Amino acid sequence: MFTEVLLTAVWLLGQQVQLPAPSRPVPESVEVRYARAQLRLAEANLDRVAERNKKFERSVPSSVVAEYQDDVRVAKARLKQATTGRPANEFQVWVERAEAERRSAETAWKNASAANNSVPGTIAPSDVERLRLRADVAKLQLERGQALVNAGRDAQLQWQSDLLDNQLQRLKEEGRDTTPYVSYPDWWW
């Protein structure tokens, strides 16, 4: 019996002990890295305007700072969605974006109205009305998105396309407002 135990012990000692392989960290997906980079960029942009305001008080209007803060909120929502890996939450990022657009449009309208209340004629009444209408469109766009949270993917994609189109139209309007009209002499052509 002693011999059998001794042989078993020698045999066990001679066996290779299989240690578990050292665990390697699972690399982050491209989507997570992309979302993380977008968040860092949004935070860096917000830090930049905060530094400007620290250097020169109120050089960046609070409405613009709020837009940068909204960008950070949207980027955080996108990162959360990417790290949880639940594509069903992807639509929520778009709703967050629409909420940011609504806040921005409403702030622009209210600021224009307040400017005219303080100093009448500061902003043309047609521009104040245009800003009010832009805020109404943004509010309705958000409501449409919220109504589609549980809708089918096709309806959500159509709304996302509409949201992007709305933002593109706003950028075109802003670009037209800032681009001066240049009249060239006839000999130029």
N, C-alpha and C. Protein backbone atom coordinates (compact mmCIF):
# COMPACT_ATOMS: atom_id res chain seq x y z
N MET A 1 0.83 -1.18 0.00
CA MET A 1 0.00 0.00 0.00
C MET A 1 0.88 1.25 0.00
N PHE A 2 1.93 1.22 0.84
CA PHE A 2 2.84 2.34 0.91
C PHE A 2 3.48 2.59 -0.46
N THR A 3 3.80 1.53 -1.14
CA THR A 3 4.43 1.62 -2.45
C THR A 3 3.47 2.26 -3.45
N GLU A 4 2.21 1.86 -3.38
CA GLU A 4 1.22 2.44 -4.30
C GLU A 4 1.05 3.93 -4.07
N VAL A 5 1.02 4.35 -2.83
CA VAL A 5 0.87 5.77 -2.50
C VAL A 5 2.10 6.53 -2.98
N LEU A 6 3.29 5.92 -2.74
CA LEU A 6 4.53 6.55 -3.17
C LEU A 6 4.59 6.69 -4.68
N LEU A 7 4.21 5.65 -5.40
CA LEU A 7 4.20 5.71 -6.86
C LEU A 7 3.19 6.76 -7.36
N THR A 8 2.03 6.81 -6.73
CA THR A 8 1.03 7.80 -7.13
C THR A 8 1.55 9.21 -6.88
N ALA A 9 2.21 9.42 -5.76
CA ALA A 9 2.75 10.74 -5.44
C ALA A 9 3.83 11.13 -6.43
N VAL A 10 4.73 10.18 -6.77
CA VAL A 10 5.78 10.45 -7.75
C VAL A 10 5.16 10.75 -9.10
N TRP A 11 4.17 9.98 -9.46
CA TRP A 11 3.50 10.20 -10.74
C TRP A 11 2.86 11.59 -10.79
N LEU A 12 2.16 11.99 -9.70
CA LEU A 12 1.52 13.31 -9.66
C LEU A 12 2.55 14.43 -9.72
N LEU A 13 3.67 14.25 -9.05
CA LEU A 13 4.71 15.27 -9.10
C LEU A 13 5.30 15.41 -10.50
N GLY A 14 5.33 14.33 -11.22
CA GLY A 14 5.88 14.35 -12.57
C GLY A 14 4.93 14.96 -13.60
N GLN A 15 3.69 15.10 -13.25
CA GLN A 15 2.71 15.65 -14.19
C GLN A 15 2.93 17.16 -14.35
N GLN A 16 2.71 17.62 -15.53
CA GLN A 16 2.78 19.06 -15.81
C GLN A 16 1.54 19.70 -15.22
N VAL A 17 1.75 20.69 -14.42
CA VAL A 17 0.63 21.42 -13.85
C VAL A 17 0.22 22.48 -14.87
N GLN A 18 -1.01 22.41 -15.27
CA GLN A 18 -1.53 23.36 -16.24
C GLN A 18 -2.05 24.59 -15.53
N LEU A 19 -1.29 25.65 -15.60
CA LEU A 19 -1.74 26.91 -15.03
C LEU A 19 -2.57 27.64 -16.07
N PRO A 20 -3.56 28.34 -15.62
CA PRO A 20 -4.35 29.08 -16.60
C PRO A 20 -3.48 30.15 -17.27
N ALA A 21 -3.72 30.33 -18.53
CA ALA A 21 -2.96 31.33 -19.28
C ALA A 21 -3.22 32.71 -18.69
N PRO A 22 -2.19 33.54 -18.66
CA PRO A 22 -2.43 34.88 -18.12
C PRO A 22 -3.49 35.59 -18.94
N SER A 23 -4.40 36.21 -18.24
CA SER A 23 -5.50 36.86 -18.96
C SER A 23 -4.99 38.15 -19.59
N ARG A 24 -5.26 38.27 -20.85
CA ARG A 24 -4.89 39.48 -21.59
C ARG A 24 -6.12 40.36 -21.67
N PRO A 25 -5.92 41.64 -21.51
CA PRO A 25 -7.08 42.51 -21.61
C PRO A 25 -7.66 42.44 -23.03
N VAL A 26 -8.97 42.40 -23.07
CA VAL A 26 -9.64 42.36 -24.36
C VAL A 26 -9.54 43.76 -24.97
N PRO A 27 -9.00 43.84 -26.18
CA PRO A 27 -8.87 45.17 -26.78
C PRO A 27 -10.25 45.79 -27.04
N GLU A 28 -10.30 47.11 -26.88
CA GLU A 28 -11.56 47.81 -27.12
C GLU A 28 -11.89 47.77 -28.60
N SER A 29 -13.16 47.71 -28.88
CA SER A 29 -13.59 47.71 -30.27
C SER A 29 -13.34 49.07 -30.90
N VAL A 30 -13.37 49.12 -32.18
CA VAL A 30 -13.20 50.39 -32.90
C VAL A 30 -14.31 51.36 -32.51
N GLU A 31 -15.51 50.84 -32.33
CA GLU A 31 -16.64 51.71 -31.96
C GLU A 31 -16.41 52.37 -30.61
N VAL A 32 -15.90 51.62 -29.65
CA VAL A 32 -15.64 52.18 -28.31
C VAL A 32 -14.51 53.20 -28.40
N ARG A 33 -13.44 52.86 -29.12
CA ARG A 33 -12.33 53.81 -29.26
C ARG A 33 -12.78 55.08 -29.95
N TYR A 34 -13.63 54.93 -30.98
CA TYR A 34 -14.16 56.09 -31.70
C TYR A 34 -15.02 56.95 -30.78
N ALA A 35 -15.91 56.33 -30.02
CA ALA A 35 -16.78 57.07 -29.10
C ALA A 35 -15.95 57.76 -28.02
N ARG A 36 -14.92 57.08 -27.52
CA ARG A 36 -14.04 57.66 -26.51
C ARG A 36 -13.29 58.87 -27.09
N ALA A 37 -12.83 58.75 -28.32
CA ALA A 37 -12.11 59.86 -28.97
C ALA A 37 -13.06 61.05 -29.19
N GLN A 38 -14.30 60.76 -29.58
CA GLN A 38 -15.28 61.85 -29.75
C GLN A 38 -15.54 62.55 -28.43
N LEU A 39 -15.62 61.79 -27.35
CA LEU A 39 -15.83 62.40 -26.04
C LEU A 39 -14.64 63.28 -25.65
N ARG A 40 -13.43 62.76 -25.86
CA ARG A 40 -12.25 63.57 -25.53
C ARG A 40 -12.21 64.85 -26.34
N LEU A 41 -12.58 64.77 -27.62
CA LEU A 41 -12.61 65.97 -28.47
C LEU A 41 -13.67 66.96 -27.98
N ALA A 42 -14.84 66.46 -27.65
CA ALA A 42 -15.91 67.34 -27.15
C ALA A 42 -15.47 68.01 -25.85
N GLU A 43 -14.84 67.25 -24.97
CA GLU A 43 -14.36 67.82 -23.71
C GLU A 43 -13.25 68.85 -23.95
N ALA A 44 -12.37 68.56 -24.91
CA ALA A 44 -11.29 69.51 -25.24
C ALA A 44 -11.87 70.80 -25.80
N ASN A 45 -12.90 70.69 -26.63
CA ASN A 45 -13.55 71.89 -27.18
C ASN A 45 -14.19 72.71 -26.07
N LEU A 46 -14.84 72.03 -25.13
CA LEU A 46 -15.46 72.72 -24.00
C LEU A 46 -14.39 73.37 -23.13
N ASP A 47 -13.30 72.67 -22.91
CA ASP A 47 -12.20 73.25 -22.12
C ASP A 47 -11.64 74.50 -22.81
N ARG A 48 -11.56 74.46 -24.13
CA ARG A 48 -11.03 75.60 -24.89
C ARG A 48 -11.87 76.84 -24.68
N VAL A 49 -13.20 76.70 -24.76
CA VAL A 49 -14.05 77.89 -24.57
C VAL A 49 -14.03 78.33 -23.11
N ALA A 50 -13.88 77.38 -22.19
CA ALA A 50 -13.78 77.75 -20.77
C ALA A 50 -12.50 78.55 -20.53
N GLU A 51 -11.40 78.14 -21.16
CA GLU A 51 -10.14 78.89 -21.04
C GLU A 51 -10.28 80.29 -21.61
N ARG A 52 -10.95 80.40 -22.76
CA ARG A 52 -11.16 81.73 -23.35
C ARG A 52 -11.95 82.62 -22.40
N ASN A 53 -12.99 82.05 -21.81
CA ASN A 53 -13.81 82.84 -20.89
C ASN A 53 -13.06 83.18 -19.61
N LYS A 54 -12.12 82.31 -19.23
CA LYS A 54 -11.32 82.60 -18.05
C LYS A 54 -10.35 83.76 -18.36
N LYS A 55 -9.80 83.73 -19.57
CA LYS A 55 -8.85 84.75 -19.98
C LYS A 55 -9.55 86.09 -20.24
N PHE A 56 -10.64 86.03 -20.99
CA PHE A 56 -11.42 87.22 -21.34
C PHE A 56 -12.87 86.94 -20.98
N GLU A 57 -13.29 87.46 -19.86
CA GLU A 57 -14.62 87.17 -19.32
C GLU A 57 -15.71 87.38 -20.36
N ARG A 58 -16.58 86.40 -20.49
CA ARG A 58 -17.75 86.39 -21.39
C ARG A 58 -17.38 86.61 -22.86
N SER A 59 -16.17 86.20 -23.25
CA SER A 59 -15.82 86.32 -24.66
C SER A 59 -16.55 85.27 -25.50
N VAL A 60 -16.90 84.16 -24.87
CA VAL A 60 -17.73 83.15 -25.54
C VAL A 60 -19.08 83.17 -24.84
N PRO A 61 -20.15 83.48 -25.57
CA PRO A 61 -21.48 83.58 -24.95
C PRO A 61 -21.90 82.28 -24.27
N SER A 62 -22.71 82.43 -23.24
CA SER A 62 -23.17 81.26 -22.48
C SER A 62 -23.95 80.30 -23.37
N SER A 63 -24.63 80.82 -24.38
CA SER A 63 -25.38 79.93 -25.28
C SER A 63 -24.43 79.03 -26.07
N VAL A 64 -23.28 79.55 -26.43
CA VAL A 64 -22.29 78.74 -27.16
C VAL A 64 -21.66 77.73 -26.20
N VAL A 65 -21.37 78.14 -24.98
CA VAL A 65 -20.84 77.22 -23.97
C VAL A 65 -21.84 76.08 -23.75
N ALA A 66 -23.12 76.42 -23.70
CA ALA A 66 -24.16 75.39 -23.51
C ALA A 66 -24.16 74.40 -24.68
N GLU A 67 -23.91 74.88 -25.88
CA GLU A 67 -23.85 73.97 -27.03
C GLU A 67 -22.67 73.00 -26.90
N TYR A 68 -21.53 73.50 -26.44
CA TYR A 68 -20.39 72.62 -26.21
C TYR A 68 -20.69 71.62 -25.10
N GLN A 69 -21.41 72.05 -24.08
CA GLN A 69 -21.80 71.13 -23.01
C GLN A 69 -22.73 70.05 -23.55
N ASP A 70 -23.63 70.45 -24.46
CA ASP A 70 -24.51 69.47 -25.10
C ASP A 70 -23.70 68.47 -25.92
N ASP A 71 -22.66 68.95 -26.61
CA ASP A 71 -21.81 68.05 -27.37
C ASP A 71 -21.17 67.00 -26.46
N VAL A 72 -20.76 67.42 -25.27
CA VAL A 72 -20.17 66.48 -24.31
C VAL A 72 -21.22 65.47 -23.85
N ARG A 73 -22.45 65.94 -23.58
CA ARG A 73 -23.53 65.02 -23.16
C ARG A 73 -23.81 63.98 -24.24
N VAL A 74 -23.88 64.42 -25.49
CA VAL A 74 -24.15 63.49 -26.58
C VAL A 74 -22.99 62.50 -26.72
N ALA A 75 -21.77 62.98 -26.60
CA ALA A 75 -20.61 62.09 -26.72
C ALA A 75 -20.59 61.07 -25.58
N LYS A 76 -20.99 61.48 -24.38
CA LYS A 76 -21.05 60.54 -23.25
C LYS A 76 -22.11 59.48 -23.51
N ALA A 77 -23.25 59.89 -24.06
CA ALA A 77 -24.30 58.93 -24.37
C ALA A 77 -23.82 57.93 -25.42
N ARG A 78 -23.08 58.43 -26.41
CA ARG A 78 -22.56 57.55 -27.46
C ARG A 78 -21.54 56.57 -26.87
N LEU A 79 -20.67 57.06 -25.97
CA LEU A 79 -19.68 56.17 -25.35
C LEU A 79 -20.38 55.13 -24.49
N LYS A 80 -21.38 55.54 -23.75
CA LYS A 80 -22.12 54.58 -22.92
C LYS A 80 -22.75 53.50 -23.79
N GLN A 81 -23.32 53.91 -24.90
CA GLN A 81 -23.94 52.95 -25.82
C GLN A 81 -22.89 52.01 -26.38
N ALA A 82 -21.73 52.55 -26.74
CA ALA A 82 -20.67 51.72 -27.34
C ALA A 82 -20.08 50.75 -26.33
N THR A 83 -19.92 51.18 -25.08
CA THR A 83 -19.30 50.29 -24.08
C THR A 83 -20.26 49.21 -23.60
N THR A 84 -21.55 49.51 -23.61
CA THR A 84 -22.51 48.47 -23.21
C THR A 84 -22.78 47.51 -24.36
N GLY A 85 -22.47 47.97 -25.57
CA GLY A 85 -22.65 47.10 -26.73
C GLY A 85 -24.09 46.79 -27.05
N ARG A 86 -24.97 47.67 -26.63
CA ARG A 86 -26.40 47.44 -26.89
C ARG A 86 -26.85 48.37 -28.00
N PRO A 87 -26.88 47.89 -29.24
CA PRO A 87 -27.26 48.74 -30.35
C PRO A 87 -28.68 49.30 -30.25
N ALA A 88 -29.51 48.70 -29.41
CA ALA A 88 -30.88 49.22 -29.26
C ALA A 88 -30.85 50.63 -28.68
N ASN A 89 -29.79 50.96 -27.93
CA ASN A 89 -29.67 52.29 -27.34
C ASN A 89 -29.13 53.32 -28.31
N GLU A 90 -28.70 52.90 -29.47
CA GLU A 90 -28.13 53.82 -30.46
C GLU A 90 -29.11 54.95 -30.77
N PHE A 91 -30.36 54.64 -30.87
CA PHE A 91 -31.35 55.65 -31.20
C PHE A 91 -31.42 56.73 -30.12
N GLN A 92 -31.17 56.35 -28.87
CA GLN A 92 -31.20 57.31 -27.78
C GLN A 92 -30.15 58.40 -27.97
N VAL A 93 -29.02 58.06 -28.56
CA VAL A 93 -27.99 59.06 -28.85
C VAL A 93 -28.56 60.11 -29.80
N TRP A 94 -29.32 59.67 -30.76
CA TRP A 94 -29.93 60.59 -31.72
C TRP A 94 -30.97 61.48 -31.05
N VAL A 95 -31.72 60.90 -30.13
CA VAL A 95 -32.70 61.70 -29.39
C VAL A 95 -31.98 62.74 -28.54
N GLU A 96 -30.86 62.36 -27.94
CA GLU A 96 -30.04 63.31 -27.17
C GLU A 96 -29.57 64.45 -28.08
N ARG A 97 -29.17 64.10 -29.27
CA ARG A 97 -28.71 65.11 -30.24
C ARG A 97 -29.86 66.06 -30.60
N ALA A 98 -31.05 65.52 -30.77
CA ALA A 98 -32.21 66.36 -31.08
C ALA A 98 -32.55 67.27 -29.91
N GLU A 99 -32.40 66.76 -28.69
CA GLU A 99 -32.63 67.58 -27.49
C GLU A 99 -31.63 68.72 -27.44
N ALA A 100 -30.37 68.45 -27.76
CA ALA A 100 -29.35 69.49 -27.79
C ALA A 100 -29.68 70.54 -28.85
N GLU A 101 -30.15 70.09 -29.98
CA GLU A 101 -30.53 71.01 -31.06
C GLU A 101 -31.70 71.89 -30.61
N ARG A 102 -32.66 71.31 -29.90
CA ARG A 102 -33.79 72.09 -29.41
C ARG A 102 -33.35 73.14 -28.41
N ARG A 103 -32.51 72.74 -27.46
CA ARG A 103 -32.02 73.70 -26.47
C ARG A 103 -31.26 74.85 -27.14
N SER A 104 -30.44 74.53 -28.10
CA SER A 104 -29.66 75.54 -28.80
C SER A 104 -30.55 76.52 -29.56
N ALA A 105 -31.54 75.99 -30.27
CA ALA A 105 -32.44 76.85 -31.04
C ALA A 105 -33.28 77.72 -30.11
N GLU A 106 -33.75 77.15 -29.02
CA GLU A 106 -34.56 77.91 -28.08
C GLU A 106 -33.74 79.02 -27.41
N THR A 107 -32.50 78.71 -27.08
CA THR A 107 -31.62 79.71 -26.46
C THR A 107 -31.35 80.85 -27.42
N ALA A 108 -31.09 80.53 -28.68
CA ALA A 108 -30.83 81.58 -29.67
C ALA A 108 -32.04 82.50 -29.81
N TRP A 109 -33.24 81.92 -29.84
CA TRP A 109 -34.45 82.73 -29.96
C TRP A 109 -34.66 83.60 -28.73
N LYS A 110 -34.50 83.01 -27.54
CA LYS A 110 -34.70 83.77 -26.31
C LYS A 110 -33.66 84.87 -26.16
N ASN A 111 -32.43 84.59 -26.55
CA ASN A 111 -31.39 85.63 -26.48
C ASN A 111 -31.68 86.78 -27.43
N ALA A 112 -32.17 86.47 -28.61
CA ALA A 112 -32.51 87.52 -29.57
C ALA A 112 -33.69 88.36 -29.05
N SER A 113 -34.67 87.69 -28.48
CA SER A 113 -35.82 88.40 -27.91
C SER A 113 -35.39 89.28 -26.75
N ALA A 114 -34.52 88.76 -25.89
CA ALA A 114 -34.04 89.53 -24.74
C ALA A 114 -33.23 90.74 -25.20
N ALA A 115 -32.43 90.55 -26.24
CA ALA A 115 -31.64 91.68 -26.77
C ALA A 115 -32.56 92.78 -27.27
N ASN A 116 -33.64 92.40 -27.94
CA ASN A 116 -34.58 93.41 -28.45
C ASN A 116 -35.39 94.04 -27.32
N ASN A 117 -35.63 93.30 -26.25
CA ASN A 117 -36.32 93.89 -25.10
C ASN A 117 -35.42 94.92 -24.41
N SER A 118 -34.13 94.63 -24.36
CA SER A 118 -33.19 95.56 -23.73
C SER A 118 -32.95 96.78 -24.60
N VAL A 119 -32.66 96.55 -25.86
CA VAL A 119 -32.40 97.64 -26.81
C VAL A 119 -33.21 97.34 -28.07
N PRO A 120 -34.40 97.97 -28.17
CA PRO A 120 -35.25 97.70 -29.33
C PRO A 120 -34.51 97.92 -30.66
N GLY A 121 -34.75 96.99 -31.57
CA GLY A 121 -34.15 97.09 -32.90
C GLY A 121 -32.77 96.48 -33.02
N THR A 122 -32.26 95.88 -31.93
CA THR A 122 -30.94 95.26 -31.98
C THR A 122 -30.91 94.16 -33.04
N ILE A 123 -31.95 93.38 -33.07
CA ILE A 123 -32.05 92.28 -34.04
C ILE A 123 -33.34 92.49 -34.82
N ALA A 124 -33.25 92.33 -36.11
CA ALA A 124 -34.40 92.55 -36.98
C ALA A 124 -35.55 91.63 -36.56
N PRO A 125 -36.78 92.18 -36.55
CA PRO A 125 -37.94 91.35 -36.17
C PRO A 125 -38.07 90.09 -37.03
N SER A 126 -37.70 90.18 -38.30
CA SER A 126 -37.78 89.00 -39.16
C SER A 126 -36.79 87.92 -38.69
N ASP A 127 -35.62 88.34 -38.19
CA ASP A 127 -34.65 87.37 -37.68
C ASP A 127 -35.13 86.74 -36.37
N VAL A 128 -35.76 87.54 -35.52
CA VAL A 128 -36.31 87.00 -34.26
C VAL A 128 -37.39 85.97 -34.59
N GLU A 129 -38.23 86.29 -35.54
CA GLU A 129 -39.29 85.35 -35.94
C GLU A 129 -38.69 84.09 -36.55
N ARG A 130 -37.66 84.25 -37.36
CA ARG A 130 -36.99 83.09 -37.96
C ARG A 130 -36.40 82.20 -36.86
N LEU A 131 -35.80 82.81 -35.85
CA LEU A 131 -35.24 82.04 -34.74
C LEU A 131 -36.34 81.34 -33.93
N ARG A 132 -37.49 81.99 -33.78
CA ARG A 132 -38.62 81.36 -33.08
C ARG A 132 -39.10 80.15 -33.87
N LEU A 133 -39.20 80.31 -35.18
CA LEU A 133 -39.64 79.20 -36.02
C LEU A 133 -38.63 78.06 -35.99
N ARG A 134 -37.34 78.39 -35.98
CA ARG A 134 -36.30 77.37 -35.90
C ARG A 134 -36.44 76.59 -34.58
N ALA A 135 -36.74 77.31 -33.48
CA ALA A 135 -36.95 76.65 -32.18
C ALA A 135 -38.18 75.74 -32.22
N ASP A 136 -39.25 76.20 -32.88
CA ASP A 136 -40.46 75.36 -33.02
C ASP A 136 -40.15 74.09 -33.80
N VAL A 137 -39.42 74.22 -34.89
CA VAL A 137 -39.07 73.06 -35.72
C VAL A 137 -38.23 72.08 -34.89
N ALA A 138 -37.25 72.61 -34.16
CA ALA A 138 -36.39 71.74 -33.35
C ALA A 138 -37.19 71.02 -32.26
N LYS A 139 -38.15 71.72 -31.66
CA LYS A 139 -38.99 71.10 -30.62
C LYS A 139 -39.84 69.98 -31.22
N LEU A 140 -40.42 70.24 -32.37
CA LEU A 140 -41.24 69.21 -33.03
C LEU A 140 -40.39 68.04 -33.50
N GLN A 141 -39.20 68.34 -33.95
CA GLN A 141 -38.29 67.27 -34.39
C GLN A 141 -37.96 66.36 -33.20
N LEU A 142 -37.72 66.96 -32.04
CA LEU A 142 -37.46 66.16 -30.83
C LEU A 142 -38.68 65.31 -30.47
N GLU A 143 -39.86 65.91 -30.49
CA GLU A 143 -41.08 65.17 -30.18
C GLU A 143 -41.27 63.99 -31.13
N ARG A 144 -40.98 64.21 -32.40
CA ARG A 144 -41.08 63.12 -33.38
C ARG A 144 -40.13 61.99 -33.01
N GLY A 145 -38.91 62.34 -32.63
CA GLY A 145 -37.93 61.32 -32.26
C GLY A 145 -38.35 60.55 -31.02
N GLN A 146 -38.85 61.28 -30.02
CA GLN A 146 -39.29 60.62 -28.79
C GLN A 146 -40.44 59.66 -29.06
N ALA A 147 -41.29 60.01 -30.01
CA ALA A 147 -42.41 59.14 -30.35
C ALA A 147 -41.96 57.87 -31.08
N LEU A 148 -40.73 57.89 -31.62
CA LEU A 148 -40.24 56.75 -32.41
C LEU A 148 -39.30 55.84 -31.63
N VAL A 149 -39.14 56.06 -30.33
CA VAL A 149 -38.19 55.27 -29.53
C VAL A 149 -38.47 53.78 -29.66
N ASN A 150 -39.72 53.38 -29.69
CA ASN A 150 -40.07 51.97 -29.79
C ASN A 150 -40.55 51.58 -31.18
N ALA A 151 -40.35 52.45 -32.13
CA ALA A 151 -40.81 52.18 -33.51
C ALA A 151 -39.80 51.28 -34.23
N GLY A 152 -40.16 50.91 -35.43
CA GLY A 152 -39.28 50.08 -36.26
C GLY A 152 -38.06 50.85 -36.72
N ARG A 153 -37.06 50.10 -37.13
CA ARG A 153 -35.78 50.68 -37.55
C ARG A 153 -35.95 51.59 -38.76
N ASP A 154 -36.81 51.25 -39.69
CA ASP A 154 -37.00 52.10 -40.88
C ASP A 154 -37.51 53.48 -40.51
N ALA A 155 -38.49 53.53 -39.62
CA ALA A 155 -39.05 54.83 -39.19
C ALA A 155 -37.99 55.63 -38.45
N GLN A 156 -37.19 54.97 -37.63
CA GLN A 156 -36.13 55.66 -36.90
C GLN A 156 -35.07 56.21 -37.86
N LEU A 157 -34.70 55.42 -38.85
CA LEU A 157 -33.71 55.88 -39.84
C LEU A 157 -34.23 57.07 -40.64
N GLN A 158 -35.51 57.05 -40.97
CA GLN A 158 -36.09 58.18 -41.69
C GLN A 158 -36.03 59.44 -40.84
N TRP A 159 -36.35 59.31 -39.55
CA TRP A 159 -36.29 60.45 -38.64
C TRP A 159 -34.85 60.96 -38.50
N GLN A 160 -33.89 60.03 -38.39
CA GLN A 160 -32.49 60.44 -38.29
C GLN A 160 -32.07 61.20 -39.54
N SER A 161 -32.51 60.73 -40.68
CA SER A 161 -32.21 61.43 -41.93
C SER A 161 -32.83 62.83 -41.93
N ASP A 162 -34.06 62.93 -41.46
CA ASP A 162 -34.73 64.24 -41.36
C ASP A 162 -33.98 65.16 -40.41
N LEU A 163 -33.51 64.61 -39.29
CA LEU A 163 -32.77 65.41 -38.31
C LEU A 163 -31.49 65.96 -38.94
N LEU A 164 -30.77 65.11 -39.65
CA LEU A 164 -29.55 65.57 -40.31
C LEU A 164 -29.85 66.61 -41.38
N ASP A 165 -30.93 66.40 -42.12
CA ASP A 165 -31.32 67.36 -43.15
C ASP A 165 -31.67 68.70 -42.52
N ASN A 166 -32.35 68.67 -41.39
CA ASN A 166 -32.71 69.89 -40.68
C ASN A 166 -31.45 70.64 -40.23
N GLN A 167 -30.48 69.90 -39.70
CA GLN A 167 -29.23 70.51 -39.27
C GLN A 167 -28.46 71.09 -40.45
N LEU A 168 -28.48 70.39 -41.56
CA LEU A 168 -27.81 70.88 -42.77
C LEU A 168 -28.46 72.17 -43.26
N GLN A 169 -29.79 72.22 -43.23
CA GLN A 169 -30.49 73.43 -43.64
C GLN A 169 -30.13 74.61 -42.73
N ARG A 170 -30.03 74.35 -41.43
CA ARG A 170 -29.64 75.41 -40.49
C ARG A 170 -28.24 75.91 -40.79
N LEU A 171 -27.32 75.00 -41.06
CA LEU A 171 -25.95 75.40 -41.39
C LEU A 171 -25.90 76.20 -42.69
N LYS A 172 -26.71 75.82 -43.66
CA LYS A 172 -26.78 76.58 -44.91
C LYS A 172 -27.28 78.00 -44.65
N GLU A 173 -28.32 78.10 -43.83
CA GLU A 173 -28.86 79.43 -43.49
C GLU A 173 -27.79 80.28 -42.82
N GLU A 174 -27.09 79.69 -41.86
CA GLU A 174 -26.05 80.43 -41.15
C GLU A 174 -24.92 80.82 -42.10
N GLY A 175 -24.57 79.93 -43.01
CA GLY A 175 -23.52 80.23 -43.98
C GLY A 175 -23.92 81.35 -44.92
N ARG A 176 -25.17 81.36 -45.33
CA ARG A 176 -25.65 82.43 -46.21
C ARG A 176 -25.65 83.77 -45.49
N ASP A 177 -25.97 83.73 -44.19
CA ASP A 177 -26.01 84.97 -43.42
C ASP A 177 -24.63 85.57 -43.24
N THR A 178 -23.61 84.74 -43.19
CA THR A 178 -22.27 85.26 -42.91
C THR A 178 -21.45 85.49 -44.17
N THR A 179 -21.91 84.99 -45.30
CA THR A 179 -21.18 85.18 -46.53
C THR A 179 -21.61 86.49 -47.17
N PRO A 180 -20.69 87.44 -47.28
CA PRO A 180 -21.09 88.71 -47.86
C PRO A 180 -21.31 88.58 -49.36
N TYR A 181 -22.25 89.34 -49.84
CA TYR A 181 -22.49 89.36 -51.27
C TYR A 181 -21.47 90.30 -51.89
N VAL A 182 -20.77 89.82 -52.87
CA VAL A 182 -19.76 90.63 -53.52
C VAL A 182 -20.22 90.89 -54.94
N SER A 183 -20.28 92.15 -55.27
CA SER A 183 -20.65 92.52 -56.64
C SER A 183 -19.37 92.78 -57.42
N TYR A 184 -19.15 91.98 -58.42
CA TYR A 184 -17.95 92.13 -59.24
C TYR A 184 -18.26 93.06 -60.40
N PRO A 185 -17.30 93.86 -60.82
CA PRO A 185 -17.51 94.71 -61.99
C PRO A 185 -17.67 93.86 -63.25
N ASP A 186 -18.33 94.45 -64.24
CA ASP A 186 -18.59 93.70 -65.48
C ASP A 186 -17.30 93.20 -66.14
N TRP A 187 -16.25 93.98 -66.05
CA TRP A 187 -15.01 93.58 -66.72
C TRP A 187 -14.36 92.37 -66.06
N TRP A 188 -14.79 92.03 -64.81
CA TRP A 188 -14.20 90.91 -64.09
C TRP A 188 -14.43 89.60 -64.82
N TRP A 189 -15.56 89.48 -65.44
CA TRP A 189 -15.92 88.23 -66.12
C TRP A 189 -15.57 88.35 -67.54
